[in-house]
Amino acid sequence: MSTRTAPLRQPVWAQLRRRVPGAPADLTLHVLPLDQVRAWAQSATACLSEEELARAHGIEETSARELFVVSRVALRHVLGHRLGCSPRDVPVAHDPLTGAPLEVHGRARTVAGAHGDAGPELGFSPVLGGVRPVRFSVSRAAGIVAVVTAQCEVGVDVERVQSGVETDVLLEILRPVDRTRLLKLRGRRRALEVTRAWVRVGALLKGWGTGLARDPASVNVGPGTRASYGRGWSVGDVRCPARENTRLAVAWRTDPAPQG
């Protein structure tokens, strides 16, 4: 009789981890299409708090309610894995004034893949000697939930590609230098690039903890797939599963420049 055992099957959320080019090694991004994780999330709602369940119950539109449930269940599982606790015990909290997520604490673990990359593997080892805070950001739109975690401040934003009318509205909100560049484009390409610029702005504003309390027109995102900012931040584009209809960006705080 063979003594070989089948490999341990990873949970569905663990299989949906994505690379973020240029990001810190400990940064994790999970991009979760609703149609792939709906059943799993509904079966795992026992991890949610009473407040989260009440919020879900108060969302009338079905797809919006499902996206909210997926976002909270996935966030708790990702953080629980990283912090070394059960999803139910993750202390998820937000600033009462700004709504920005507060850092959480737990037993720190490495989160690199088995080969030292940011691949889908979640093989990890406990890190001895101290507790490290973990920051997180969540975005949900267009049937997609994105969850990013890191030891540095982070932000993530995902949006469906905007309609013509929505594109015109966003052009009036973006920084003039970006608006001038984007107005040179036409049709579908303009909608794609305006949406791309908007999620980059959104990711930065969420990472900074201000949200739309800060004027989006104060943020110049530029045309590159990755950009650095004088405030010590970088932002990069990430491909979505439904990349023709969605755009996604992740922002993270970079390490301070070495002194001397």
C-alpha atoms as a PDB file:
ATOM      1  CA  MET A   1       0.000   0.000   0.000  1.00  0.00           C
ATOM      2  CA  SER A   2       1.347   3.412  -0.922  1.00  0.00           C
ATOM      3  CA  THR A   3       2.141   5.753   1.964  1.00  0.00           C
ATOM      4  CA  ARG A   4       2.150   8.864  -0.214  1.00  0.00           C
ATOM      5  CA  THR A   5      -0.307  11.551   0.811  1.00  0.00           C
ATOM      6  CA  ALA A   6      -2.062  14.029  -1.430  1.00  0.00           C
ATOM      7  CA  PRO A   7      -0.705  17.591  -1.272  1.00  0.00           C
ATOM      8  CA  LEU A   8      -2.649  19.914   0.999  1.00  0.00           C
ATOM      9  CA  ARG A   9      -5.168  21.852  -1.060  1.00  0.00           C
ATOM     10  CA  GLN A  10      -4.849  25.605  -0.650  1.00  0.00           C
ATOM     11  CA  PRO A  11      -7.976  27.605   0.192  1.00  0.00           C
ATOM     12  CA  VAL A  12      -9.498  29.356  -2.788  1.00  0.00           C
ATOM     13  CA  TRP A  13      -8.381  32.822  -1.659  1.00  0.00           C
ATOM     14  CA  ALA A  14      -4.773  31.643  -1.364  1.00  0.00           C
ATOM     15  CA  GLN A  15      -4.740  30.587  -5.010  1.00  0.00           C
ATOM     16  CA  LEU A  16      -5.634  34.111  -6.131  1.00  0.00           C
ATOM     17  CA  ARG A  17      -2.527  35.942  -4.979  1.00  0.00           C
ATOM     18  CA  ARG A  18      -0.999  38.307  -7.534  1.00  0.00           C
ATOM     19  CA  ARG A  19       2.430  39.825  -8.055  1.00  0.00           C
ATOM     20  CA  VAL A  20       2.921  43.561  -7.628  1.00  0.00           C
ATOM     21  CA  PRO A  21       6.070  44.498  -9.588  1.00  0.00           C
ATOM     22  CA  GLY A  22       8.529  46.536  -7.554  1.00  0.00           C
ATOM     23  CA  ALA A  23       6.613  46.214  -4.283  1.00  0.00           C
ATOM     24  CA  PRO A  24       8.199  45.202  -0.953  1.00  0.00           C
ATOM     25  CA  ALA A  25       8.729  41.460  -0.544  1.00  0.00           C
ATOM     26  CA  ASP A  26       6.244  41.229   2.319  1.00  0.00           C
ATOM     27  CA  LEU A  27       3.409  42.956   0.424  1.00  0.00           C
ATOM     28  CA  THR A  28       0.606  40.579  -0.532  1.00  0.00           C
ATOM     29  CA  LEU A  29      -2.209  41.230  -2.996  1.00  0.00           C
ATOM     30  CA  HIS A  30      -5.186  38.934  -3.495  1.00  0.00           C
ATOM     31  CA  VAL A  31      -7.528  39.667  -6.405  1.00  0.00           C
ATOM     32  CA  LEU A  32     -10.777  37.750  -5.940  1.00  0.00           C
ATOM     33  CA  PRO A  33     -13.379  37.506  -8.724  1.00  0.00           C
ATOM     34  CA  LEU A  34     -16.825  37.202  -7.166  1.00  0.00           C
ATOM     35  CA  ASP A  35     -17.825  34.236  -9.322  1.00  0.00           C
ATOM     36  CA  GLN A  36     -14.823  32.227  -8.079  1.00  0.00           C
ATOM     37  CA  VAL A  37     -15.143  32.921  -4.351  1.00  0.00           C
ATOM     38  CA  ARG A  38     -18.854  33.539  -3.751  1.00  0.00           C
ATOM     39  CA  ALA A  39     -19.642  30.014  -2.529  1.00  0.00           C
ATOM     40  CA  TRP A  40     -16.550  29.849  -0.310  1.00  0.00           C
ATOM     41  CA  ALA A  41     -17.255  33.241   1.277  1.00  0.00           C
ATOM     42  CA  GLN A  42     -20.877  32.367   1.991  1.00  0.00           C
ATOM     43  CA  SER A  43     -19.723  29.174   3.716  1.00  0.00           C
ATOM     44  CA  ALA A  44     -17.236  31.088   5.891  1.00  0.00           C
ATOM     45  CA  THR A  45     -19.355  33.948   7.252  1.00  0.00           C
ATOM     46  CA  ALA A  46     -19.017  32.602  10.810  1.00  0.00           C
ATOM     47  CA  CYS A  47     -15.754  34.572  11.001  1.00  0.00           C
ATOM     48  CA  LEU A  48     -17.569  37.898  10.620  1.00  0.00           C
ATOM     49  CA  SER A  49     -18.389  40.162  13.546  1.00  0.00           C
ATOM     50  CA  GLU A  50     -21.939  41.117  14.461  1.00  0.00           C
ATOM     51  CA  GLU A  51     -21.278  44.596  13.082  1.00  0.00           C
ATOM     52  CA  GLU A  52     -20.098  43.194   9.739  1.00  0.00           C
ATOM     53  CA  LEU A  53     -23.116  40.894   9.497  1.00  0.00           C
ATOM     54  CA  ALA A  54     -25.422  43.820  10.242  1.00  0.00           C
ATOM     55  CA  ARG A  55     -23.749  45.926   7.550  1.00  0.00           C
ATOM     56  CA  ALA A  56     -24.147  43.106   5.046  1.00  0.00           C
ATOM     57  CA  HIS A  57     -27.811  42.702   5.950  1.00  0.00           C
ATOM     58  CA  GLY A  58     -28.377  46.414   5.338  1.00  0.00           C
ATOM     59  CA  ILE A  59     -27.088  46.304   1.735  1.00  0.00           C
ATOM     60  CA  GLU A  60     -30.129  45.811  -0.487  1.00  0.00           C
ATOM     61  CA  GLU A  61     -28.480  45.248  -3.871  1.00  0.00           C
ATOM     62  CA  THR A  62     -27.475  41.579  -4.167  1.00  0.00           C
ATOM     63  CA  SER A  63     -24.146  41.904  -5.970  1.00  0.00           C
ATOM     64  CA  ALA A  64     -23.037  44.775  -3.719  1.00  0.00           C
ATOM     65  CA  ARG A  65     -23.928  42.717  -0.642  1.00  0.00           C
ATOM     66  CA  GLU A  66     -22.024  39.701  -1.990  1.00  0.00           C
ATOM     67  CA  LEU A  67     -18.965  41.834  -2.734  1.00  0.00           C
ATOM     68  CA  PHE A  68     -19.029  43.233   0.797  1.00  0.00           C
ATOM     69  CA  VAL A  69     -19.259  39.745   2.328  1.00  0.00           C
ATOM     70  CA  VAL A  70     -16.418  38.459   0.145  1.00  0.00           C
ATOM     71  CA  SER A  71     -14.265  41.473   1.030  1.00  0.00           C
ATOM     72  CA  ARG A  72     -14.695  41.018   4.783  1.00  0.00           C
ATOM     73  CA  VAL A  73     -14.356  37.231   4.801  1.00  0.00           C
ATOM     74  CA  ALA A  74     -11.282  37.367   2.559  1.00  0.00           C
ATOM     75  CA  LEU A  75      -9.680  40.164   4.592  1.00  0.00           C
ATOM     76  CA  ARG A  76     -10.088  38.188   7.805  1.00  0.00           C
ATOM     77  CA  HIS A  77      -8.624  35.039   6.281  1.00  0.00           C
ATOM     78  CA  VAL A  78      -5.647  36.834   4.713  1.00  0.00           C
ATOM     79  CA  LEU A  79      -4.867  38.721   7.927  1.00  0.00           C
ATOM     80  CA  GLY A  80      -5.463  35.662  10.091  1.00  0.00           C
ATOM     81  CA  HIS A  81      -2.995  33.690   7.985  1.00  0.00           C
ATOM     82  CA  ARG A  82      -0.446  36.451   8.216  1.00  0.00           C
ATOM     83  CA  LEU A  83      -0.886  37.183  11.925  1.00  0.00           C
ATOM     84  CA  GLY A  84      -1.136  33.593  13.105  1.00  0.00           C
ATOM     85  CA  CYS A  85      -4.673  33.733  14.485  1.00  0.00           C
ATOM     86  CA  SER A  86      -8.134  32.605  13.460  1.00  0.00           C
ATOM     87  CA  PRO A  87     -10.031  34.831  11.004  1.00  0.00           C
ATOM     88  CA  ARG A  88     -12.661  35.491  13.665  1.00  0.00           C
ATOM     89  CA  ASP A  89     -10.026  36.850  16.064  1.00  0.00           C
ATOM     90  CA  VAL A  90      -8.494  39.396  13.669  1.00  0.00           C
ATOM     91  CA  PRO A  91      -9.006  42.850  15.243  1.00  0.00           C
ATOM     92  CA  VAL A  92     -10.250  44.708  12.154  1.00  0.00           C
ATOM     93  CA  ALA A  93     -10.835  48.378  12.971  1.00  0.00           C
ATOM     94  CA  HIS A  94     -11.088  51.720  11.181  1.00  0.00           C
ATOM     95  CA  ASP A  95     -10.431  55.313  12.179  1.00  0.00           C
ATOM     96  CA  PRO A  96     -13.792  56.736  13.326  1.00  0.00           C
ATOM     97  CA  LEU A  97     -13.096  60.113  11.697  1.00  0.00           C
ATOM     98  CA  THR A  98     -11.532  59.215   8.342  1.00  0.00           C
ATOM     99  CA  GLY A  99     -12.646  55.600   7.918  1.00  0.00           C
ATOM    100  CA  ALA A 100      -9.044  54.616   7.168  1.00  0.00           C
ATOM    101  CA  PRO A 101      -8.135  51.078   8.294  1.00  0.00           C
ATOM    102  CA  LEU A 102      -6.045  50.854  11.456  1.00  0.00           C
ATOM    103  CA  GLU A 103      -2.968  48.650  11.629  1.00  0.00           C
ATOM    104  CA  VAL A 104      -3.361  45.259  13.282  1.00  0.00           C
ATOM    105  CA  HIS A 105      -0.889  43.318  15.383  1.00  0.00           C
ATOM    106  CA  GLY A 106      -0.126  39.630  15.778  1.00  0.00           C
ATOM    107  CA  ARG A 107       2.574  37.001  15.504  1.00  0.00           C
ATOM    108  CA  ALA A 108       4.634  38.078  12.489  1.00  0.00           C
ATOM    109  CA  ARG A 109       5.223  35.562   9.706  1.00  0.00           C
ATOM    110  CA  THR A 110       7.100  35.636   6.450  1.00  0.00           C
ATOM    111  CA  VAL A 111       4.815  35.693   3.450  1.00  0.00           C
ATOM    112  CA  ALA A 112       7.119  35.075   0.487  1.00  0.00           C
ATOM    113  CA  GLY A 113       6.446  32.084  -1.723  1.00  0.00           C
ATOM    114  CA  ALA A 114       8.348  28.827  -1.459  1.00  0.00           C
ATOM    115  CA  HIS A 115      10.938  30.096  -3.954  1.00  0.00           C
ATOM    116  CA  GLY A 116      11.324  33.526  -2.366  1.00  0.00           C
ATOM    117  CA  ASP A 117       9.004  35.166  -4.875  1.00  0.00           C
ATOM    118  CA  ALA A 118       5.517  36.610  -4.541  1.00  0.00           C
ATOM    119  CA  GLY A 119       3.923  33.667  -6.282  1.00  0.00           C
ATOM    120  CA  PRO A 120       0.690  31.973  -5.268  1.00  0.00           C
ATOM    121  CA  GLU A 121       2.351  29.619  -2.772  1.00  0.00           C
ATOM    122  CA  LEU A 122       1.771  30.466   0.873  1.00  0.00           C
ATOM    123  CA  GLY A 123       4.520  28.401   2.476  1.00  0.00           C
ATOM    124  CA  PHE A 124       5.750  30.391   5.463  1.00  0.00           C
ATOM    125  CA  SER A 125       7.711  30.112   8.700  1.00  0.00           C
ATOM    126  CA  PRO A 126       7.207  31.897  12.027  1.00  0.00           C
ATOM    127  CA  VAL A 127       9.484  34.883  12.546  1.00  0.00           C
ATOM    128  CA  LEU A 128      10.847  34.867  16.079  1.00  0.00           C
ATOM    129  CA  GLY A 129      11.413  37.895  18.219  1.00  0.00           C
ATOM    130  CA  GLY A 130       8.714  40.503  18.259  1.00  0.00           C
ATOM    131  CA  VAL A 131       5.365  41.537  16.925  1.00  0.00           C
ATOM    132  CA  ARG A 132       5.064  43.655  13.806  1.00  0.00           C
ATOM    133  CA  PRO A 133       2.091  45.773  12.766  1.00  0.00           C
ATOM    134  CA  VAL A 134       0.347  44.880   9.520  1.00  0.00           C
ATOM    135  CA  ARG A 135      -1.447  47.434   7.378  1.00  0.00           C
ATOM    136  CA  PHE A 136      -4.182  46.590   4.928  1.00  0.00           C
ATOM    137  CA  SER A 137      -6.441  48.074   2.291  1.00  0.00           C
ATOM    138  CA  VAL A 138      -9.503  46.673   0.532  1.00  0.00           C
ATOM    139  CA  SER A 139     -11.327  47.680  -2.640  1.00  0.00           C
ATOM    140  CA  ARG A 140     -14.350  46.148  -4.337  1.00  0.00           C
ATOM    141  CA  ALA A 141     -16.007  46.962  -7.661  1.00  0.00           C
ATOM    142  CA  ALA A 142     -17.131  45.356 -10.910  1.00  0.00           C
ATOM    143  CA  GLY A 143     -17.338  41.863  -9.416  1.00  0.00           C
ATOM    144  CA  ILE A 144     -13.761  42.064  -8.082  1.00  0.00           C
ATOM    145  CA  VAL A 145     -12.450  42.261  -4.509  1.00  0.00           C
ATOM    146  CA  ALA A 146      -8.819  43.294  -3.950  1.00  0.00           C
ATOM    147  CA  VAL A 147      -7.089  42.845  -0.579  1.00  0.00           C
ATOM    148  CA  VAL A 148      -3.553  44.142   0.015  1.00  0.00           C
ATOM    149  CA  THR A 149      -1.481  43.731   3.200  1.00  0.00           C
ATOM    150  CA  ALA A 150       2.030  44.843   4.143  1.00  0.00           C
ATOM    151  CA  GLN A 151       4.122  46.096   7.034  1.00  0.00           C
ATOM    152  CA  CYS A 152       4.260  49.509   5.349  1.00  0.00           C
ATOM    153  CA  GLU A 153       1.258  51.715   4.656  1.00  0.00           C
ATOM    154  CA  VAL A 154      -0.625  50.531   1.565  1.00  0.00           C
ATOM    155  CA  GLY A 155      -3.643  51.364  -0.552  1.00  0.00           C
ATOM    156  CA  VAL A 156      -5.505  49.546  -3.317  1.00  0.00           C
ATOM    157  CA  ASP A 157      -8.241  50.636  -5.699  1.00  0.00           C
ATOM    158  CA  VAL A 158     -10.160  48.724  -8.366  1.00  0.00           C
ATOM    159  CA  GLU A 159     -12.794  50.173 -10.688  1.00  0.00           C
ATOM    160  CA  ARG A 160     -14.705  49.133 -13.767  1.00  0.00           C
ATOM    161  CA  VAL A 161     -13.768  51.037 -16.900  1.00  0.00           C
ATOM    162  CA  GLN A 162     -15.799  54.240 -16.863  1.00  0.00           C
ATOM    163  CA  SER A 163     -18.500  55.197 -19.347  1.00  0.00           C
ATOM    164  CA  GLY A 164     -18.114  58.221 -21.596  1.00  0.00           C
ATOM    165  CA  VAL A 165     -20.074  60.467 -19.226  1.00  0.00           C
ATOM    166  CA  GLU A 166     -18.205  59.173 -16.171  1.00  0.00           C
ATOM    167  CA  THR A 167     -14.906  59.691 -17.979  1.00  0.00           C
ATOM    168  CA  ASP A 168     -15.756  63.342 -18.606  1.00  0.00           C
ATOM    169  CA  VAL A 169     -16.634  63.821 -14.924  1.00  0.00           C
ATOM    170  CA  LEU A 170     -13.352  62.287 -13.755  1.00  0.00           C
ATOM    171  CA  LEU A 171     -11.361  64.422 -16.180  1.00  0.00           C
ATOM    172  CA  GLU A 172     -12.630  67.495 -14.332  1.00  0.00           C
ATOM    173  CA  ILE A 173     -11.444  66.015 -11.024  1.00  0.00           C
ATOM    174  CA  LEU A 174      -7.945  64.910 -12.041  1.00  0.00           C
ATOM    175  CA  ARG A 175      -4.855  67.117 -11.870  1.00  0.00           C
ATOM    176  CA  PRO A 176      -4.645  69.539 -14.839  1.00  0.00           C
ATOM    177  CA  VAL A 177      -1.378  68.055 -16.161  1.00  0.00           C
ATOM    178  CA  ASP A 178      -2.981  64.596 -16.289  1.00  0.00           C
ATOM    179  CA  ARG A 179      -6.188  66.032 -17.735  1.00  0.00           C
ATOM    180  CA  THR A 180      -4.280  67.680 -20.593  1.00  0.00           C
ATOM    181  CA  ARG A 181      -2.522  64.421 -21.427  1.00  0.00           C
ATOM    182  CA  LEU A 182      -5.720  62.359 -21.294  1.00  0.00           C
ATOM    183  CA  LEU A 183      -7.779  64.797 -23.380  1.00  0.00           C
ATOM    184  CA  LYS A 184      -5.527  63.969 -26.339  1.00  0.00           C
ATOM    185  CA  LEU A 185      -6.974  60.444 -26.360  1.00  0.00           C
ATOM    186  CA  ARG A 186     -10.276  59.434 -27.906  1.00  0.00           C
ATOM    187  CA  GLY A 187     -13.081  56.956 -27.330  1.00  0.00           C
ATOM    188  CA  ARG A 188     -12.380  53.686 -25.564  1.00  0.00           C
ATOM    189  CA  ARG A 189      -8.708  54.464 -25.093  1.00  0.00           C
ATOM    190  CA  ARG A 190      -9.543  57.658 -23.210  1.00  0.00           C
ATOM    191  CA  ALA A 191     -11.958  55.766 -20.943  1.00  0.00           C
ATOM    192  CA  LEU A 192      -9.324  53.108 -20.218  1.00  0.00           C
ATOM    193  CA  GLU A 193      -6.583  55.600 -19.412  1.00  0.00           C
ATOM    194  CA  VAL A 194      -8.793  57.888 -17.332  1.00  0.00           C
ATOM    195  CA  THR A 195      -9.942  54.895 -15.276  1.00  0.00           C
ATOM    196  CA  ARG A 196      -6.324  53.822 -14.907  1.00  0.00           C
ATOM    197  CA  ALA A 197      -5.332  57.283 -13.678  1.00  0.00           C
ATOM    198  CA  TRP A 198      -8.273  57.347 -11.288  1.00  0.00           C
ATOM    199  CA  VAL A 199      -7.430  54.036  -9.567  1.00  0.00           C
ATOM    200  CA  ARG A 200      -3.825  55.185  -9.152  1.00  0.00           C
ATOM    201  CA  VAL A 201      -5.056  58.349  -7.448  1.00  0.00           C
ATOM    202  CA  GLY A 202      -7.488  56.285  -5.377  1.00  0.00           C
ATOM    203  CA  ALA A 203      -4.813  53.840  -4.236  1.00  0.00           C
ATOM    204  CA  LEU A 204      -2.560  56.702  -3.120  1.00  0.00           C
ATOM    205  CA  LEU A 205      -5.322  58.539  -1.268  1.00  0.00           C
ATOM    206  CA  LYS A 206      -6.286  55.340   0.542  1.00  0.00           C
ATOM    207  CA  GLY A 207      -2.670  54.609   1.389  1.00  0.00           C
ATOM    208  CA  TRP A 208      -2.245  58.116   2.784  1.00  0.00           C
ATOM    209  CA  GLY A 209      -5.316  57.542   4.939  1.00  0.00           C
ATOM    210  CA  THR A 210      -7.138  60.609   3.629  1.00  0.00           C
ATOM    211  CA  GLY A 211      -9.463  59.192   1.009  1.00  0.00           C
ATOM    212  CA  LEU A 212     -11.330  61.883  -0.891  1.00  0.00           C
ATOM    213  CA  ALA A 213     -10.871  64.310   2.005  1.00  0.00           C
ATOM    214  CA  ARG A 214      -7.751  65.237   0.047  1.00  0.00           C
ATOM    215  CA  ASP A 215      -8.360  66.865  -3.337  1.00  0.00           C
ATOM    216  CA  PRO A 216      -7.628  64.294  -6.102  1.00  0.00           C
ATOM    217  CA  ALA A 217      -6.457  67.189  -8.289  1.00  0.00           C
ATOM    218  CA  SER A 218      -3.444  67.525  -5.988  1.00  0.00           C
ATOM    219  CA  VAL A 219      -2.119  64.131  -7.126  1.00  0.00           C
ATOM    220  CA  ASN A 220      -0.180  63.825 -10.385  1.00  0.00           C
ATOM    221  CA  VAL A 221      -0.045  60.147 -11.413  1.00  0.00           C
ATOM    222  CA  GLY A 222       1.525  60.386 -14.876  1.00  0.00           C
ATOM    223  CA  PRO A 223       1.446  57.822 -17.712  1.00  0.00           C
ATOM    224  CA  GLY A 224       3.957  55.205 -16.486  1.00  0.00           C
ATOM    225  CA  THR A 225       2.963  51.760 -15.223  1.00  0.00           C
ATOM    226  CA  ARG A 226       4.827  52.550 -12.010  1.00  0.00           C
ATOM    227  CA  ALA A 227       5.571  55.935 -10.481  1.00  0.00           C
ATOM    228  CA  SER A 228       7.381  57.223  -7.400  1.00  0.00           C
ATOM    229  CA  TYR A 229       6.346  60.249  -5.364  1.00  0.00           C
ATOM    230  CA  GLY A 230       8.312  62.781  -3.387  1.00  0.00           C
ATOM    231  CA  ARG A 231       6.424  61.843  -0.246  1.00  0.00           C
ATOM    232  CA  GLY A 232       8.135  58.446  -0.271  1.00  0.00           C
ATOM    233  CA  TRP A 233       5.400  56.510  -2.066  1.00  0.00           C
ATOM    234  CA  SER A 234       5.171  54.335  -5.157  1.00  0.00           C
ATOM    235  CA  VAL A 235       2.123  53.224  -7.095  1.00  0.00           C
ATOM    236  CA  GLY A 236       1.853  50.515  -9.728  1.00  0.00           C
ATOM    237  CA  ASP A 237      -0.697  48.979 -12.067  1.00  0.00           C
ATOM    238  CA  VAL A 238      -1.756  45.351 -11.605  1.00  0.00           C
ATOM    239  CA  ARG A 239      -3.559  43.276 -14.199  1.00  0.00           C
ATOM    240  CA  CYS A 240      -7.068  42.154 -13.269  1.00  0.00           C
ATOM    241  CA  PRO A 241      -8.665  38.845 -14.302  1.00  0.00           C
ATOM    242  CA  ALA A 242     -11.215  40.887 -16.281  1.00  0.00           C
ATOM    243  CA  ARG A 243      -8.594  43.347 -17.485  1.00  0.00           C
ATOM    244  CA  GLU A 244     -10.633  44.598 -20.439  1.00  0.00           C
ATOM    245  CA  ASN A 245     -13.325  45.892 -18.096  1.00  0.00           C
ATOM    246  CA  THR A 246     -11.439  46.800 -14.921  1.00  0.00           C
ATOM    247  CA  ARG A 247      -8.363  48.654 -13.769  1.00  0.00           C
ATOM    248  CA  LEU A 248      -6.472  48.089 -10.496  1.00  0.00           C
ATOM    249  CA  ALA A 249      -3.603  49.908  -8.773  1.00  0.00           C
ATOM    250  CA  VAL A 250      -1.633  49.370  -5.565  1.00  0.00           C
ATOM    251  CA  ALA A 251       0.254  52.087  -3.669  1.00  0.00           C
ATOM    252  CA  TRP A 252       2.822  51.540  -0.932  1.00  0.00           C
ATOM    253  CA  ARG A 253       5.112  53.594   1.242  1.00  0.00           C
ATOM    254  CA  THR A 254       8.740  53.153   0.247  1.00  0.00           C
ATOM    255  CA  ASP A 255      11.635  52.826   2.681  1.00  0.00           C
ATOM    256  CA  PRO A 256      13.297  56.116   3.656  1.00  0.00           C
ATOM    257  CA  ALA A 257      16.352  57.010   1.597  1.00  0.00           C
ATOM    258  CA  PRO A 258      19.610  55.979   3.271  1.00  0.00           C
ATOM    259  CA  GLN A 259      21.342  58.768   5.148  1.00  0.00           C
ATOM    260  CA  GLY A 260      24.927  59.889   4.513  1.00  0.00           C
END
